[in-house]
């Protein structure tokens, strides 16, 4: 595998560590690439599909920069496939709580307009907005089937453990696409309306499924003035 290319050098020339962090990850799209990789290694084409507004040229540059800055690394695709995919380094993964805090902060903005979300946003937003108070006295396992991707959410003792893959038998399962699940969990779309429209399927304990989607309240929006 060829060594990473030299990252683009830009600097605020400011000794603050926060300024240096922005030197590394402050370029447009950089943190969104990191967000997508929080779900695990992804190919270039996967990242292009998840970030439809980015050009191939800009994505290539961001990947080059983030690799050079040790935020991510290239890994070979499993045999017999050839080529490589991108994965966060342990240091890069330390950006997850920072992204979560940015999400909580940005969700309060009165200037945020509705827009499509990616699968990574659907999953990371649940970790970000999870309410321990709303989950009080709840112990359950919920499976989420989103296209070819599968996730297991374990709620217990006021905590959420949401990870890729199917782990243990579920008490309830929600199957749907990203827009529908995002609308039900974050956008106020009623569960029964999504089911009636045929874009969401609930199996198992339906009352549990109905409660699960209420565990992620968005913070109040600030007044515009």
Protein backbone atom coordinates (compact mmCIF):
# COMPACT_ATOMS: atom_id res chain seq x y z
CA UNK A 1 0.00 0.00 0.00
CA UNK A 2 1.34 3.42 -0.93
CA UNK A 3 2.11 5.84 1.93
CA UNK A 4 -0.37 8.64 2.59
CA UNK A 5 0.20 11.84 0.69
CA UNK A 6 1.24 15.00 2.49
CA UNK A 7 -1.84 16.72 3.94
CA UNK A 8 -2.76 20.20 2.85
CA UNK A 9 -1.05 22.65 5.20
CA UNK A 10 -3.27 25.45 6.51
CA UNK A 11 -2.93 27.07 9.88
CA UNK A 12 -4.40 29.80 12.03
CA UNK A 13 -0.88 30.31 13.45
CA UNK A 14 -2.46 30.36 16.88
CA UNK A 15 -0.94 28.49 19.82
CA UNK A 16 -4.34 27.49 21.25
CA UNK A 17 -4.90 23.71 21.07
CA UNK A 18 -8.47 24.35 19.88
CA UNK A 19 -7.08 26.41 17.00
CA UNK A 20 -4.71 23.55 16.15
CA UNK A 21 -7.65 21.12 16.20
CA UNK A 22 -9.38 23.35 13.66
CA UNK A 23 -6.20 23.30 11.57
CA UNK A 24 -6.66 19.52 11.38
CA UNK A 25 -10.43 19.03 11.07
CA UNK A 26 -11.89 22.47 10.44
CA UNK A 27 -12.17 22.23 6.67
CA UNK A 28 -15.61 21.88 5.08
CA UNK A 29 -16.78 18.23 5.02
CA UNK A 30 -13.97 16.95 7.25
CA UNK A 31 -16.09 16.32 10.33
CA UNK A 32 -18.89 14.84 8.23
CA UNK A 33 -16.44 12.31 6.83
CA UNK A 34 -15.53 11.47 10.43
CA UNK A 35 -19.23 11.13 11.27
CA UNK A 36 -19.76 8.62 8.49
CA UNK A 37 -16.79 6.54 9.64
CA UNK A 38 -18.16 6.28 13.19
CA UNK A 39 -20.27 3.37 11.91
CA UNK A 40 -17.16 1.51 10.80
CA UNK A 41 -14.85 1.29 7.77
CA UNK A 42 -16.27 2.62 4.51
CA UNK A 43 -15.19 2.60 0.88
CA UNK A 44 -14.80 5.77 -1.14
CA UNK A 45 -18.04 5.00 -2.98
CA UNK A 46 -19.88 4.50 0.32
CA UNK A 47 -18.76 7.94 1.49
CA UNK A 48 -19.78 9.56 -1.80
CA UNK A 49 -23.23 8.00 -1.51
CA UNK A 50 -23.65 9.13 2.11
CA UNK A 51 -22.45 12.68 1.34
CA UNK A 52 -24.17 13.51 -1.96
CA UNK A 53 -23.18 17.17 -1.81
CA UNK A 54 -19.44 16.51 -1.90
CA UNK A 55 -17.48 16.18 -5.14
CA UNK A 56 -15.09 13.30 -5.76
CA UNK A 57 -12.20 15.78 -5.87
CA UNK A 58 -13.04 17.35 -2.51
CA UNK A 59 -13.67 13.97 -0.87
CA UNK A 60 -10.30 12.72 -2.12
CA UNK A 61 -8.61 15.78 -0.65
CA UNK A 62 -10.36 15.46 2.70
CA UNK A 63 -9.45 11.78 2.95
CA UNK A 64 -5.86 12.59 2.07
CA UNK A 65 -5.70 15.33 4.69
CA UNK A 66 -7.37 13.28 7.44
CA UNK A 67 -5.10 10.33 6.73
CA UNK A 68 -2.04 12.55 6.81
CA UNK A 69 -3.20 14.06 10.09
CA UNK A 70 -3.62 10.53 11.59
CA UNK A 71 -7.39 10.91 12.00
CA UNK A 72 -8.10 7.97 9.70
CA UNK A 73 -6.22 5.19 7.96
CA UNK A 74 -6.63 3.05 4.88
CA UNK A 75 -7.31 -0.67 5.29
CA UNK A 76 -7.39 -3.37 2.59
CA UNK A 77 -10.79 -4.70 1.57
CA UNK A 78 -11.46 -8.29 2.64
CA UNK A 79 -10.39 -10.87 0.05
CA UNK A 80 -11.19 -11.58 -2.71
CA UNK A 81 -12.00 -7.88 -3.22
CA UNK A 82 -9.19 -5.52 -4.08
CA UNK A 83 -8.69 -1.91 -3.13
CA UNK A 84 -9.06 -0.29 0.25
CA UNK A 85 -11.50 1.30 2.66
CA UNK A 86 -11.16 4.04 5.25
CA UNK A 87 -11.39 3.65 9.03
CA UNK A 88 -10.93 5.98 11.97
CA UNK A 89 -7.82 5.65 14.06
CA UNK A 90 -8.30 5.43 17.85
CA UNK A 91 -7.42 9.14 18.02
CA UNK A 92 -9.93 9.89 15.27
CA UNK A 93 -12.64 8.03 17.18
CA UNK A 94 -12.09 10.40 20.10
CA UNK A 95 -13.96 12.95 17.98
CA UNK A 96 -17.25 11.10 18.58
CA UNK A 97 -18.23 12.91 21.82
CA UNK A 98 -17.20 16.21 20.21
CA UNK A 99 -19.54 15.53 17.29
CA UNK A 100 -22.29 14.57 19.71
CA UNK A 101 -21.90 17.82 21.63
CA UNK A 102 -21.93 19.77 18.35
CA UNK A 103 -25.13 17.95 17.46
CA UNK A 104 -26.79 18.91 20.75
CA UNK A 105 -25.64 22.50 20.27
CA UNK A 106 -26.72 22.72 16.63
CA UNK A 107 -30.12 21.16 17.29
CA UNK A 108 -31.06 24.29 19.25
CA UNK A 109 -30.44 26.61 16.30
CA UNK A 110 -33.46 28.52 14.97
CA UNK A 111 -31.74 28.67 11.58
CA UNK A 112 -31.56 24.88 10.98
CA UNK A 113 -33.66 23.97 7.96
CA UNK A 114 -35.10 20.48 7.32
CA UNK A 115 -32.80 18.40 5.10
CA UNK A 116 -32.12 14.71 4.38
CA UNK A 117 -29.97 12.80 6.85
CA UNK A 118 -27.58 9.92 6.35
CA UNK A 119 -27.59 6.54 8.05
CA UNK A 120 -24.69 7.67 10.23
CA UNK A 121 -26.72 10.68 11.36
CA UNK A 122 -29.71 8.47 12.17
CA UNK A 123 -27.55 6.32 14.44
CA UNK A 124 -25.29 8.94 16.01
CA UNK A 125 -28.25 11.24 16.66
CA UNK A 126 -29.86 8.54 18.78
CA UNK A 127 -26.73 8.34 20.91
CA UNK A 128 -26.63 12.13 21.04
CA UNK A 129 -30.25 12.81 21.98
CA UNK A 130 -30.92 9.81 24.21
CA UNK A 131 -32.77 10.81 27.38
CA UNK A 132 -32.04 8.79 30.49
CA UNK A 133 -35.12 10.32 32.09
CA UNK A 134 -37.38 9.16 29.26
CA UNK A 135 -35.86 5.66 29.52
CA UNK A 136 -36.36 5.38 33.29
CA UNK A 137 -37.28 1.84 34.40
CA UNK A 138 -37.00 0.53 30.83
CA UNK A 139 -34.98 -2.57 30.03
CA UNK A 140 -35.26 -3.79 26.46
CA UNK A 141 -33.46 -4.80 23.29
CA UNK A 142 -34.56 -3.26 20.00
CA UNK A 143 -33.30 -4.19 16.54
CA UNK A 144 -33.18 -1.62 13.75
CA UNK A 145 -33.13 -2.88 10.16
CA UNK A 146 -32.18 -0.09 7.76
CA UNK A 147 -31.69 -1.44 4.26
CA UNK A 148 -28.75 -3.84 4.39
CA UNK A 149 -27.54 -2.44 7.71
CA UNK A 150 -28.62 -3.84 11.08
CA UNK A 151 -28.24 -2.36 14.56
CA UNK A 152 -28.99 -3.44 18.12
CA UNK A 153 -30.12 -0.95 20.75
CA UNK A 154 -29.91 -2.13 24.34
CA UNK A 155 -31.63 0.15 26.86
CA UNK A 156 -31.03 -0.58 30.54
CA UNK A 157 -30.54 1.42 33.74
CA UNK A 158 -31.02 4.73 31.94
CA UNK A 159 -28.30 4.04 29.36
CA UNK A 160 -28.27 3.27 25.65
CA UNK A 161 -25.86 0.88 23.96
CA UNK A 162 -26.46 1.17 20.20
CA UNK A 163 -24.09 -0.74 17.93
CA UNK A 164 -23.85 -2.35 14.52
CA UNK A 165 -24.99 -5.94 14.07
CA UNK A 166 -27.64 -8.12 15.64
CA UNK A 167 -26.88 -9.08 19.22
CA UNK A 168 -29.33 -11.27 21.08
CA UNK A 169 -33.05 -11.75 20.55
CA UNK A 170 -35.01 -8.48 20.26
CA UNK A 171 -38.08 -7.46 22.20
CA UNK A 172 -39.10 -5.33 19.21
CA UNK A 173 -37.83 -4.70 15.70
CA UNK A 174 -38.25 -1.63 13.52
CA UNK A 175 -37.61 -2.01 9.79
CA UNK A 176 -37.58 0.98 7.48
CA UNK A 177 -35.51 3.40 5.46
CA UNK A 178 -33.50 6.32 6.83
CA UNK A 179 -36.07 9.07 6.04
CA UNK A 180 -38.90 7.14 7.70
CA UNK A 181 -37.01 6.11 10.82
CA UNK A 182 -35.58 9.62 11.09
CA UNK A 183 -39.07 11.08 10.77
CA UNK A 184 -40.51 8.77 13.42
CA UNK A 185 -37.68 9.21 15.92
CA UNK A 186 -36.86 12.90 15.41
CA UNK A 187 -39.41 14.47 13.11
CA UNK A 188 -42.73 13.82 14.85
CA UNK A 189 -43.99 11.32 12.26
CA UNK A 190 -46.53 9.09 14.07
CA UNK A 191 -45.53 5.43 14.20
CA UNK A 192 -48.91 4.20 13.01
CA UNK A 193 -48.86 6.64 10.09
CA UNK A 194 -45.49 5.33 8.93
CA UNK A 195 -46.78 1.77 9.25
CA UNK A 196 -49.93 2.59 7.32
CA UNK A 197 -47.83 4.12 4.57
CA UNK A 198 -45.88 0.88 4.20
CA UNK A 199 -42.48 2.48 4.84
CA UNK A 200 -42.07 1.10 8.37
CA UNK A 201 -42.66 -2.36 9.80
CA UNK A 202 -42.84 -3.12 13.51
CA UNK A 203 -42.56 -6.66 14.84
CA UNK A 204 -42.54 -7.90 18.40
CA UNK A 205 -43.70 -5.68 21.26
CA UNK A 206 -45.36 -2.76 19.50
CA UNK A 207 -45.89 -0.78 22.73
CA UNK A 208 -42.16 -1.03 23.36
CA UNK A 209 -41.40 0.14 19.83
CA UNK A 210 -43.74 3.10 20.34
CA UNK A 211 -41.92 4.01 23.55
CA UNK A 212 -38.46 3.49 22.05
CA UNK A 213 -38.96 6.20 19.44
CA UNK A 214 -39.77 8.71 22.22
CA UNK A 215 -36.42 8.28 23.98
CA UNK A 216 -34.65 10.89 21.83
CA UNK A 217 -36.25 14.31 22.39
CA UNK A 218 -34.62 17.24 20.63
CA UNK A 219 -33.66 20.23 22.77
CA UNK A 220 -35.86 23.33 22.58
CA UNK A 221 -35.12 25.62 19.68
CA UNK A 222 -33.75 29.05 20.62
CA UNK A 223 -35.87 32.07 19.69
CA UNK A 224 -34.75 33.66 16.44
CA UNK A 225 -34.45 37.05 18.13
